[in-house]
Amino acid sequence: TLCGDWDIEDVVAHLVAAASLNQRQWVRSMLGARFRPDVHNRRRAAEHRGRTPAETLDRFRAVVDSTTAPSNHTPAYLGEVVVHAQDIRRPLGLTRSPSVAALTPVADFYAQRDFAVNSRTHVAGLELRADDGSFAAGSGPAVTGSTLALVMTMAGRAAYLDELDGPGVPVLRDRLAATA
């Protein structure tokens, strides 16, 4: 996957965890991980991973309609689903993409704050413009591309950098390389 060392089953287990933790449980887990998201995510994914890939998939299916989330920020949770779906799809050559209408609130959210990822930090001082929709944010050297490529790059996925254009792309590339 595009998710570091995680395989598909790890990513699916992470999504199960995200759909299973309310805000109080999430805070308690983060405290236990000493506010290290990587430790928190590893622990929760291990907790929600099944004994077999089929069991992990069954657990995912059981939470697909869940409205439980660690945050009341709908775009944040939508971003989790969108980004991790692409983390799985792209390496497998599955080209289906979410709609621009679904991606735009995620792009707006990511450009405005660091939440699960350092998205705002990645794009600080850059002007982002989607060439397939209405998303635009920031000022500085321009970065243009599809809303999906902008969302995935804000989420730290360097695999999407080649789909972007503009004088701000080298700056963004350097920032993502520094956090890899």
N, C-alpha and C. Protein backbone atom coordinates (compact mmCIF):
# COMPACT_ATOMS: atom_id res chain seq x y z
N THR A 1 0.85 -1.19 0.00
CA THR A 1 0.00 0.00 0.00
C THR A 1 0.89 1.25 0.00
N LEU A 2 0.27 2.39 -0.11
CA LEU A 2 1.00 3.65 -0.01
C LEU A 2 1.16 4.07 1.45
N CYS A 3 0.80 3.20 2.36
CA CYS A 3 0.78 3.50 3.79
C CYS A 3 2.01 2.91 4.48
N GLY A 4 3.18 3.31 4.06
CA GLY A 4 4.41 2.86 4.71
C GLY A 4 4.56 1.36 4.69
N ASP A 5 4.76 0.79 5.87
CA ASP A 5 4.98 -0.66 5.99
C ASP A 5 3.69 -1.46 6.06
N TRP A 6 2.56 -0.81 6.05
CA TRP A 6 1.29 -1.52 6.20
C TRP A 6 0.89 -2.25 4.93
N ASP A 7 0.39 -3.47 5.10
CA ASP A 7 -0.19 -4.19 3.97
C ASP A 7 -1.70 -3.87 3.94
N ILE A 8 -2.39 -4.45 2.98
CA ILE A 8 -3.82 -4.14 2.82
C ILE A 8 -4.60 -4.48 4.08
N GLU A 9 -4.29 -5.62 4.68
CA GLU A 9 -5.03 -6.02 5.88
C GLU A 9 -4.82 -5.03 7.03
N ASP A 10 -3.59 -4.51 7.16
CA ASP A 10 -3.32 -3.50 8.19
C ASP A 10 -4.17 -2.24 7.96
N VAL A 11 -4.25 -1.81 6.71
CA VAL A 11 -5.03 -0.60 6.39
C VAL A 11 -6.52 -0.84 6.69
N VAL A 12 -7.02 -2.00 6.31
CA VAL A 12 -8.43 -2.32 6.59
C VAL A 12 -8.67 -2.37 8.10
N ALA A 13 -7.76 -2.98 8.85
CA ALA A 13 -7.90 -3.02 10.32
C ALA A 13 -7.87 -1.61 10.91
N HIS A 14 -7.04 -0.74 10.34
CA HIS A 14 -6.99 0.65 10.79
C HIS A 14 -8.34 1.34 10.57
N LEU A 15 -8.97 1.09 9.42
CA LEU A 15 -10.28 1.67 9.15
C LEU A 15 -11.34 1.12 10.11
N VAL A 16 -11.23 -0.16 10.45
CA VAL A 16 -12.15 -0.74 11.44
C VAL A 16 -11.97 -0.01 12.77
N ALA A 17 -10.73 0.20 13.16
CA ALA A 17 -10.45 0.89 14.42
C ALA A 17 -11.04 2.30 14.40
N ALA A 18 -10.85 3.01 13.30
CA ALA A 18 -11.35 4.38 13.21
C ALA A 18 -12.87 4.43 13.32
N ALA A 19 -13.54 3.40 12.82
CA ALA A 19 -15.01 3.36 12.88
C ALA A 19 -15.51 2.77 14.19
N SER A 20 -14.60 2.38 15.07
CA SER A 20 -14.97 1.73 16.32
C SER A 20 -14.67 2.57 17.56
N LEU A 21 -13.86 3.61 17.40
CA LEU A 21 -13.45 4.42 18.55
C LEU A 21 -14.22 5.73 18.60
N ASN A 22 -14.82 6.01 19.75
CA ASN A 22 -15.42 7.33 19.92
C ASN A 22 -14.34 8.29 20.42
N GLN A 23 -14.69 9.54 20.63
CA GLN A 23 -13.69 10.54 21.00
C GLN A 23 -13.01 10.21 22.33
N ARG A 24 -13.77 9.78 23.31
CA ARG A 24 -13.20 9.45 24.62
C ARG A 24 -12.21 8.29 24.50
N GLN A 25 -12.58 7.26 23.76
CA GLN A 25 -11.69 6.11 23.57
C GLN A 25 -10.42 6.51 22.82
N TRP A 26 -10.60 7.39 21.83
CA TRP A 26 -9.44 7.85 21.05
C TRP A 26 -8.47 8.62 21.93
N VAL A 27 -9.00 9.53 22.75
CA VAL A 27 -8.13 10.32 23.64
C VAL A 27 -7.40 9.39 24.61
N ARG A 28 -8.10 8.44 25.18
CA ARG A 28 -7.47 7.49 26.10
C ARG A 28 -6.36 6.69 25.39
N SER A 29 -6.62 6.28 24.16
CA SER A 29 -5.62 5.54 23.40
C SER A 29 -4.40 6.41 23.08
N MET A 30 -4.66 7.67 22.72
CA MET A 30 -3.54 8.58 22.42
C MET A 30 -2.73 8.87 23.68
N LEU A 31 -3.39 9.01 24.81
CA LEU A 31 -2.66 9.20 26.08
C LEU A 31 -1.77 7.99 26.35
N GLY A 32 -2.32 6.80 26.16
CA GLY A 32 -1.55 5.57 26.37
C GLY A 32 -0.38 5.45 25.42
N ALA A 33 -0.50 6.06 24.26
CA ALA A 33 0.58 6.04 23.27
C ALA A 33 1.50 7.26 23.41
N ARG A 34 1.27 8.05 24.46
CA ARG A 34 2.03 9.28 24.72
C ARG A 34 1.99 10.24 23.51
N PHE A 35 0.81 10.33 22.92
CA PHE A 35 0.54 11.22 21.79
C PHE A 35 1.44 10.95 20.59
N ARG A 36 1.80 9.69 20.42
CA ARG A 36 2.55 9.26 19.23
C ARG A 36 1.56 8.53 18.32
N PRO A 37 1.10 9.22 17.26
CA PRO A 37 0.08 8.62 16.39
C PRO A 37 0.49 7.27 15.81
N ASP A 38 1.77 7.10 15.50
CA ASP A 38 2.19 5.82 14.93
C ASP A 38 1.99 4.67 15.92
N VAL A 39 2.28 4.91 17.19
CA VAL A 39 2.08 3.89 18.23
C VAL A 39 0.58 3.62 18.40
N HIS A 40 -0.20 4.67 18.50
CA HIS A 40 -1.66 4.55 18.62
C HIS A 40 -2.22 3.75 17.44
N ASN A 41 -1.85 4.13 16.22
CA ASN A 41 -2.39 3.46 15.03
C ASN A 41 -1.98 1.99 14.97
N ARG A 42 -0.73 1.70 15.30
CA ARG A 42 -0.26 0.31 15.30
C ARG A 42 -1.06 -0.53 16.30
N ARG A 43 -1.23 0.00 17.49
CA ARG A 43 -1.96 -0.74 18.54
C ARG A 43 -3.42 -0.99 18.14
N ARG A 44 -4.07 0.04 17.65
CA ARG A 44 -5.48 -0.11 17.30
C ARG A 44 -5.65 -1.03 16.09
N ALA A 45 -4.76 -0.94 15.11
CA ALA A 45 -4.85 -1.84 13.95
C ALA A 45 -4.66 -3.29 14.40
N ALA A 46 -3.70 -3.53 15.27
CA ALA A 46 -3.47 -4.89 15.77
C ALA A 46 -4.70 -5.40 16.53
N GLU A 47 -5.32 -4.52 17.28
CA GLU A 47 -6.51 -4.88 18.06
C GLU A 47 -7.68 -5.28 17.16
N HIS A 48 -7.81 -4.64 16.02
CA HIS A 48 -8.95 -4.86 15.13
C HIS A 48 -8.65 -5.77 13.95
N ARG A 49 -7.43 -6.24 13.86
CA ARG A 49 -7.06 -7.19 12.81
C ARG A 49 -7.58 -8.57 13.21
N GLY A 50 -8.17 -9.26 12.26
CA GLY A 50 -8.67 -10.60 12.55
C GLY A 50 -7.56 -11.64 12.54
N ARG A 51 -7.93 -12.88 12.86
CA ARG A 51 -6.94 -13.97 12.81
C ARG A 51 -6.57 -14.30 11.37
N THR A 52 -7.47 -13.97 10.45
CA THR A 52 -7.24 -14.21 9.02
C THR A 52 -7.66 -12.96 8.26
N PRO A 53 -7.20 -12.81 7.02
CA PRO A 53 -7.68 -11.67 6.22
C PRO A 53 -9.20 -11.67 6.06
N ALA A 54 -9.80 -12.85 5.94
CA ALA A 54 -11.26 -12.92 5.80
C ALA A 54 -11.95 -12.38 7.05
N GLU A 55 -11.41 -12.68 8.22
CA GLU A 55 -12.00 -12.18 9.46
C GLU A 55 -11.84 -10.65 9.56
N THR A 56 -10.70 -10.13 9.13
CA THR A 56 -10.51 -8.68 9.12
C THR A 56 -11.52 -8.03 8.18
N LEU A 57 -11.73 -8.63 7.02
CA LEU A 57 -12.72 -8.10 6.08
C LEU A 57 -14.13 -8.16 6.67
N ASP A 58 -14.45 -9.23 7.37
CA ASP A 58 -15.76 -9.32 8.04
C ASP A 58 -15.92 -8.21 9.07
N ARG A 59 -14.85 -7.93 9.81
CA ARG A 59 -14.91 -6.85 10.80
C ARG A 59 -15.13 -5.50 10.11
N PHE A 60 -14.50 -5.31 8.96
CA PHE A 60 -14.69 -4.08 8.19
C PHE A 60 -16.15 -3.96 7.74
N ARG A 61 -16.66 -5.04 7.18
CA ARG A 61 -18.06 -5.02 6.71
C ARG A 61 -19.02 -4.70 7.86
N ALA A 62 -18.68 -5.14 9.06
CA ALA A 62 -19.55 -4.91 10.21
C ALA A 62 -19.60 -3.44 10.64
N VAL A 63 -18.60 -2.65 10.26
CA VAL A 63 -18.58 -1.23 10.67
C VAL A 63 -18.79 -0.26 9.50
N VAL A 64 -19.07 -0.78 8.33
CA VAL A 64 -19.22 0.09 7.16
C VAL A 64 -20.26 1.18 7.39
N ASP A 65 -21.34 0.86 8.07
CA ASP A 65 -22.39 1.85 8.31
C ASP A 65 -22.25 2.57 9.65
N SER A 66 -21.13 2.38 10.32
CA SER A 66 -20.92 2.99 11.64
C SER A 66 -20.87 4.51 11.54
N THR A 67 -21.46 5.15 12.52
CA THR A 67 -21.35 6.61 12.61
C THR A 67 -20.45 7.00 13.78
N THR A 68 -19.81 6.01 14.39
CA THR A 68 -18.85 6.27 15.46
C THR A 68 -17.56 6.77 14.84
N ALA A 69 -16.99 7.80 15.42
CA ALA A 69 -15.72 8.33 14.92
C ALA A 69 -15.02 9.07 16.05
N PRO A 70 -13.69 9.12 15.98
CA PRO A 70 -12.94 9.82 17.01
C PRO A 70 -13.12 11.34 16.98
N SER A 71 -13.72 11.85 15.93
CA SER A 71 -13.86 13.29 15.76
C SER A 71 -15.24 13.59 15.23
N ASN A 72 -15.75 14.77 15.53
CA ASN A 72 -17.02 15.17 14.93
C ASN A 72 -16.79 15.93 13.63
N HIS A 73 -15.58 15.92 13.13
CA HIS A 73 -15.25 16.57 11.86
C HIS A 73 -15.49 15.57 10.73
N THR A 74 -16.64 15.64 10.10
CA THR A 74 -16.99 14.71 9.03
C THR A 74 -15.93 14.67 7.94
N PRO A 75 -15.38 15.81 7.48
CA PRO A 75 -14.35 15.74 6.44
C PRO A 75 -13.10 14.98 6.88
N ALA A 76 -12.79 15.00 8.17
CA ALA A 76 -11.62 14.26 8.66
C ALA A 76 -11.84 12.77 8.49
N TYR A 77 -13.02 12.29 8.87
CA TYR A 77 -13.29 10.87 8.75
C TYR A 77 -13.45 10.47 7.29
N LEU A 78 -14.11 11.31 6.50
CA LEU A 78 -14.20 11.05 5.07
C LEU A 78 -12.80 10.96 4.47
N GLY A 79 -11.91 11.84 4.91
CA GLY A 79 -10.53 11.79 4.44
C GLY A 79 -9.85 10.48 4.77
N GLU A 80 -10.09 9.95 5.97
CA GLU A 80 -9.53 8.64 6.34
C GLU A 80 -9.94 7.59 5.31
N VAL A 81 -11.22 7.56 5.01
CA VAL A 81 -11.74 6.55 4.09
C VAL A 81 -11.20 6.77 2.68
N VAL A 82 -11.25 8.00 2.20
CA VAL A 82 -10.78 8.32 0.85
C VAL A 82 -9.30 8.02 0.69
N VAL A 83 -8.49 8.52 1.60
CA VAL A 83 -7.04 8.36 1.48
C VAL A 83 -6.65 6.89 1.57
N HIS A 84 -7.20 6.18 2.55
CA HIS A 84 -6.81 4.78 2.70
C HIS A 84 -7.35 3.89 1.58
N ALA A 85 -8.48 4.24 1.01
CA ALA A 85 -8.96 3.50 -0.16
C ALA A 85 -7.97 3.65 -1.31
N GLN A 86 -7.47 4.87 -1.51
CA GLN A 86 -6.48 5.09 -2.57
C GLN A 86 -5.14 4.44 -2.22
N ASP A 87 -4.81 4.39 -0.93
CA ASP A 87 -3.59 3.69 -0.50
C ASP A 87 -3.61 2.24 -0.96
N ILE A 88 -4.79 1.66 -0.98
CA ILE A 88 -4.94 0.27 -1.41
C ILE A 88 -5.08 0.19 -2.93
N ARG A 89 -5.93 1.02 -3.50
CA ARG A 89 -6.25 0.94 -4.93
C ARG A 89 -5.05 1.19 -5.84
N ARG A 90 -4.33 2.24 -5.58
CA ARG A 90 -3.28 2.64 -6.52
C ARG A 90 -2.23 1.55 -6.74
N PRO A 91 -1.66 0.96 -5.69
CA PRO A 91 -0.67 -0.10 -5.94
C PRO A 91 -1.24 -1.32 -6.66
N LEU A 92 -2.55 -1.53 -6.53
CA LEU A 92 -3.19 -2.66 -7.20
C LEU A 92 -3.61 -2.32 -8.63
N GLY A 93 -3.42 -1.07 -9.03
CA GLY A 93 -3.81 -0.65 -10.38
C GLY A 93 -5.31 -0.45 -10.54
N LEU A 94 -6.02 -0.28 -9.44
CA LEU A 94 -7.46 -0.04 -9.49
C LEU A 94 -7.68 1.46 -9.59
N THR A 95 -8.24 1.91 -10.70
CA THR A 95 -8.24 3.34 -11.02
C THR A 95 -9.48 4.10 -10.57
N ARG A 96 -10.42 3.46 -9.94
CA ARG A 96 -11.63 4.18 -9.51
C ARG A 96 -11.27 5.29 -8.53
N SER A 97 -11.86 6.45 -8.72
CA SER A 97 -11.60 7.60 -7.85
C SER A 97 -12.89 8.11 -7.25
N PRO A 98 -12.81 8.68 -6.06
CA PRO A 98 -14.00 9.32 -5.47
C PRO A 98 -14.40 10.54 -6.30
N SER A 99 -15.63 10.96 -6.14
CA SER A 99 -16.11 12.13 -6.87
C SER A 99 -15.44 13.40 -6.34
N VAL A 100 -15.36 14.38 -7.20
CA VAL A 100 -14.82 15.68 -6.80
C VAL A 100 -15.68 16.27 -5.68
N ALA A 101 -16.99 16.04 -5.74
CA ALA A 101 -17.88 16.54 -4.69
C ALA A 101 -17.53 15.94 -3.32
N ALA A 102 -17.12 14.68 -3.29
CA ALA A 102 -16.71 14.06 -2.02
C ALA A 102 -15.33 14.53 -1.60
N LEU A 103 -14.45 14.77 -2.55
CA LEU A 103 -13.07 15.15 -2.25
C LEU A 103 -12.92 16.60 -1.80
N THR A 104 -13.76 17.49 -2.30
CA THR A 104 -13.58 18.92 -2.03
C THR A 104 -13.64 19.27 -0.54
N PRO A 105 -14.59 18.75 0.25
CA PRO A 105 -14.56 19.09 1.68
C PRO A 105 -13.32 18.52 2.39
N VAL A 106 -12.82 17.39 1.91
CA VAL A 106 -11.59 16.82 2.48
C VAL A 106 -10.42 17.74 2.16
N ALA A 107 -10.34 18.20 0.92
CA ALA A 107 -9.26 19.11 0.52
C ALA A 107 -9.31 20.40 1.34
N ASP A 108 -10.51 20.96 1.49
CA ASP A 108 -10.65 22.17 2.31
C ASP A 108 -10.19 21.93 3.74
N PHE A 109 -10.60 20.82 4.32
CA PHE A 109 -10.23 20.49 5.71
C PHE A 109 -8.72 20.31 5.83
N TYR A 110 -8.13 19.54 4.93
CA TYR A 110 -6.69 19.28 4.99
C TYR A 110 -5.87 20.55 4.81
N ALA A 111 -6.33 21.47 3.97
CA ALA A 111 -5.59 22.71 3.74
C ALA A 111 -5.63 23.63 4.96
N GLN A 112 -6.65 23.47 5.80
CA GLN A 112 -6.85 24.37 6.93
C GLN A 112 -6.24 23.89 8.24
N ARG A 113 -5.97 22.60 8.37
CA ARG A 113 -5.48 22.13 9.67
C ARG A 113 -4.68 20.85 9.56
N ASP A 114 -3.79 20.71 10.51
CA ASP A 114 -3.09 19.44 10.71
C ASP A 114 -3.97 18.64 11.65
N PHE A 115 -4.39 17.48 11.23
CA PHE A 115 -5.25 16.67 12.08
C PHE A 115 -4.62 15.29 12.20
N ALA A 116 -5.04 14.35 11.39
CA ALA A 116 -4.43 13.02 11.42
C ALA A 116 -3.08 13.03 10.70
N VAL A 117 -2.91 13.96 9.81
CA VAL A 117 -1.65 14.13 9.07
C VAL A 117 -1.28 15.61 9.10
N ASN A 118 -0.05 15.91 8.78
CA ASN A 118 0.42 17.30 8.78
C ASN A 118 0.11 17.99 7.46
N SER A 119 -1.12 17.87 7.02
CA SER A 119 -1.52 18.37 5.71
C SER A 119 -1.33 19.87 5.56
N ARG A 120 -1.75 20.64 6.52
CA ARG A 120 -1.60 22.10 6.43
C ARG A 120 -0.13 22.48 6.40
N THR A 121 0.67 21.83 7.22
CA THR A 121 2.11 22.09 7.25
C THR A 121 2.75 21.78 5.91
N HIS A 122 2.34 20.67 5.29
CA HIS A 122 2.90 20.29 3.99
C HIS A 122 2.70 21.38 2.94
N VAL A 123 1.57 22.08 2.99
CA VAL A 123 1.23 23.03 1.92
C VAL A 123 1.30 24.49 2.35
N ALA A 124 1.84 24.76 3.52
CA ALA A 124 1.95 26.15 3.99
C ALA A 124 2.76 26.98 3.00
N GLY A 125 2.28 28.17 2.68
CA GLY A 125 2.98 29.06 1.76
C GLY A 125 2.87 28.68 0.30
N LEU A 126 1.94 27.78 -0.02
CA LEU A 126 1.71 27.38 -1.41
C LEU A 126 0.26 27.70 -1.79
N GLU A 127 0.07 27.98 -3.07
CA GLU A 127 -1.28 28.18 -3.59
C GLU A 127 -1.71 26.88 -4.27
N LEU A 128 -2.78 26.28 -3.78
CA LEU A 128 -3.29 25.03 -4.34
C LEU A 128 -4.53 25.33 -5.17
N ARG A 129 -4.60 24.72 -6.37
CA ARG A 129 -5.75 24.91 -7.25
C ARG A 129 -6.08 23.60 -7.93
N ALA A 130 -7.31 23.16 -7.76
CA ALA A 130 -7.78 21.96 -8.45
C ALA A 130 -8.13 22.32 -9.89
N ASP A 131 -7.75 21.46 -10.82
CA ASP A 131 -8.09 21.72 -12.22
C ASP A 131 -9.36 20.98 -12.65
N ASP A 132 -9.99 20.29 -11.70
CA ASP A 132 -11.21 19.55 -12.01
C ASP A 132 -12.39 19.94 -11.12
N GLY A 133 -12.20 20.97 -10.31
CA GLY A 133 -13.26 21.38 -9.39
C GLY A 133 -12.99 22.74 -8.80
N SER A 134 -13.70 23.06 -7.74
CA SER A 134 -13.65 24.40 -7.17
C SER A 134 -12.60 24.59 -6.08
N PHE A 135 -11.91 23.54 -5.66
CA PHE A 135 -10.98 23.68 -4.55
C PHE A 135 -9.84 24.62 -4.90
N ALA A 136 -9.59 25.57 -4.00
CA ALA A 136 -8.45 26.49 -4.08
C ALA A 136 -8.14 26.93 -2.66
N ALA A 137 -6.85 27.03 -2.35
CA ALA A 137 -6.45 27.43 -1.00
C ALA A 137 -5.04 27.97 -1.02
N GLY A 138 -4.75 28.85 -0.09
CA GLY A 138 -3.39 29.32 0.14
C GLY A 138 -2.92 30.38 -0.84
N SER A 139 -1.68 30.81 -0.61
CA SER A 139 -1.03 31.76 -1.50
C SER A 139 0.45 31.45 -1.51
N GLY A 140 1.07 31.76 -2.63
CA GLY A 140 2.49 31.47 -2.81
C GLY A 140 2.68 30.76 -4.14
N PRO A 141 3.81 30.06 -4.31
CA PRO A 141 4.02 29.32 -5.55
C PRO A 141 2.87 28.33 -5.78
N ALA A 142 2.39 28.30 -7.02
CA ALA A 142 1.20 27.51 -7.34
C ALA A 142 1.50 26.02 -7.47
N VAL A 143 0.51 25.23 -7.06
CA VAL A 143 0.48 23.78 -7.26
C VAL A 143 -0.91 23.47 -7.80
N THR A 144 -0.98 22.91 -9.00
CA THR A 144 -2.27 22.58 -9.60
C THR A 144 -2.31 21.10 -9.95
N GLY A 145 -3.53 20.58 -9.95
CA GLY A 145 -3.75 19.18 -10.30
C GLY A 145 -5.15 18.78 -9.92
N SER A 146 -5.45 17.52 -10.07
CA SER A 146 -6.79 17.04 -9.70
C SER A 146 -6.99 17.18 -8.20
N THR A 147 -8.25 17.26 -7.81
CA THR A 147 -8.56 17.34 -6.39
C THR A 147 -8.03 16.11 -5.67
N LEU A 148 -8.13 14.94 -6.29
CA LEU A 148 -7.62 13.72 -5.68
C LEU A 148 -6.11 13.81 -5.46
N ALA A 149 -5.36 14.23 -6.48
CA ALA A 149 -3.90 14.33 -6.33
C ALA A 149 -3.53 15.34 -5.24
N LEU A 150 -4.27 16.43 -5.15
CA LEU A 150 -3.99 17.42 -4.10
C LEU A 150 -4.28 16.85 -2.71
N VAL A 151 -5.41 16.16 -2.56
CA VAL A 151 -5.75 15.55 -1.27
C VAL A 151 -4.69 14.52 -0.87
N MET A 152 -4.34 13.65 -1.79
CA MET A 152 -3.39 12.59 -1.47
C MET A 152 -2.01 13.15 -1.15
N THR A 153 -1.62 14.21 -1.83
CA THR A 153 -0.32 14.83 -1.54
C THR A 153 -0.36 15.54 -0.20
N MET A 154 -1.46 16.24 0.09
CA MET A 154 -1.58 16.86 1.42
C MET A 154 -1.52 15.80 2.51
N ALA A 155 -2.00 14.60 2.21
CA ALA A 155 -1.97 13.50 3.17
C ALA A 155 -0.60 12.83 3.24
N GLY A 156 0.36 13.37 2.48
CA GLY A 156 1.72 12.86 2.56
C GLY A 156 2.06 11.76 1.58
N ARG A 157 1.22 11.54 0.58
CA ARG A 157 1.45 10.46 -0.38
C ARG A 157 2.23 11.00 -1.58
N ALA A 158 3.54 10.83 -1.55
CA ALA A 158 4.43 11.34 -2.59
C ALA A 158 4.16 10.71 -3.95
N ALA A 159 3.52 9.56 -3.99
CA ALA A 159 3.22 8.89 -5.25
C ALA A 159 2.36 9.75 -6.17
N TYR A 160 1.69 10.75 -5.63
CA TYR A 160 0.81 11.62 -6.43
C TYR A 160 1.49 12.90 -6.90
N LEU A 161 2.72 13.14 -6.48
CA LEU A 161 3.41 14.38 -6.86
C LEU A 161 3.55 14.54 -8.37
N ASP A 162 3.78 13.45 -9.08
CA ASP A 162 3.97 13.54 -10.53
C ASP A 162 2.69 13.93 -11.27
N GLU A 163 1.56 13.94 -10.58
CA GLU A 163 0.30 14.36 -11.19
C GLU A 163 0.02 15.84 -10.98
N LEU A 164 0.95 16.52 -10.32
CA LEU A 164 0.78 17.95 -10.02
C LEU A 164 1.71 18.78 -10.88
N ASP A 165 1.32 20.03 -11.13
CA ASP A 165 2.12 20.96 -11.91
C ASP A 165 2.27 22.27 -11.14
N GLY A 166 3.28 23.04 -11.55
CA GLY A 166 3.44 24.38 -11.00
C GLY A 166 4.75 24.56 -10.26
N PRO A 167 5.12 25.81 -10.05
CA PRO A 167 6.39 26.12 -9.40
C PRO A 167 6.46 25.72 -7.93
N GLY A 168 5.32 25.41 -7.31
CA GLY A 168 5.33 24.98 -5.92
C GLY A 168 5.58 23.49 -5.73
N VAL A 169 5.54 22.72 -6.81
CA VAL A 169 5.70 21.26 -6.69
C VAL A 169 7.06 20.87 -6.11
N PRO A 170 8.18 21.48 -6.53
CA PRO A 170 9.47 21.11 -5.91
C PRO A 170 9.50 21.37 -4.40
N VAL A 171 8.85 22.44 -3.97
CA VAL A 171 8.78 22.75 -2.53
C VAL A 171 8.02 21.64 -1.81
N LEU A 172 6.89 21.26 -2.37
CA LEU A 172 6.07 20.20 -1.79
C LEU A 172 6.81 18.87 -1.79
N ARG A 173 7.51 18.58 -2.87
CA ARG A 173 8.30 17.34 -2.97
C ARG A 173 9.35 17.29 -1.86
N ASP A 174 10.05 18.41 -1.65
CA ASP A 174 11.07 18.46 -0.59
C ASP A 174 10.45 18.26 0.79
N ARG A 175 9.30 18.86 1.03
CA ARG A 175 8.65 18.72 2.33
C ARG A 175 8.21 17.27 2.59
N LEU A 176 7.67 16.63 1.57
CA LEU A 176 7.25 15.25 1.76
C LEU A 176 8.45 14.33 1.95
N ALA A 177 9.53 14.61 1.23
CA ALA A 177 10.75 13.79 1.38
C ALA A 177 11.31 13.93 2.79
N ALA A 178 11.20 15.11 3.36
CA ALA A 178 11.73 15.36 4.71
C ALA A 178 10.93 14.63 5.78
N THR A 179 9.67 14.31 5.49
CA THR A 179 8.83 13.63 6.48
C THR A 179 8.73 12.13 6.23
N ALA A 180 9.33 11.66 5.17
CA ALA A 180 9.23 10.22 4.83
C ALA A 180 10.06 9.37 5.76
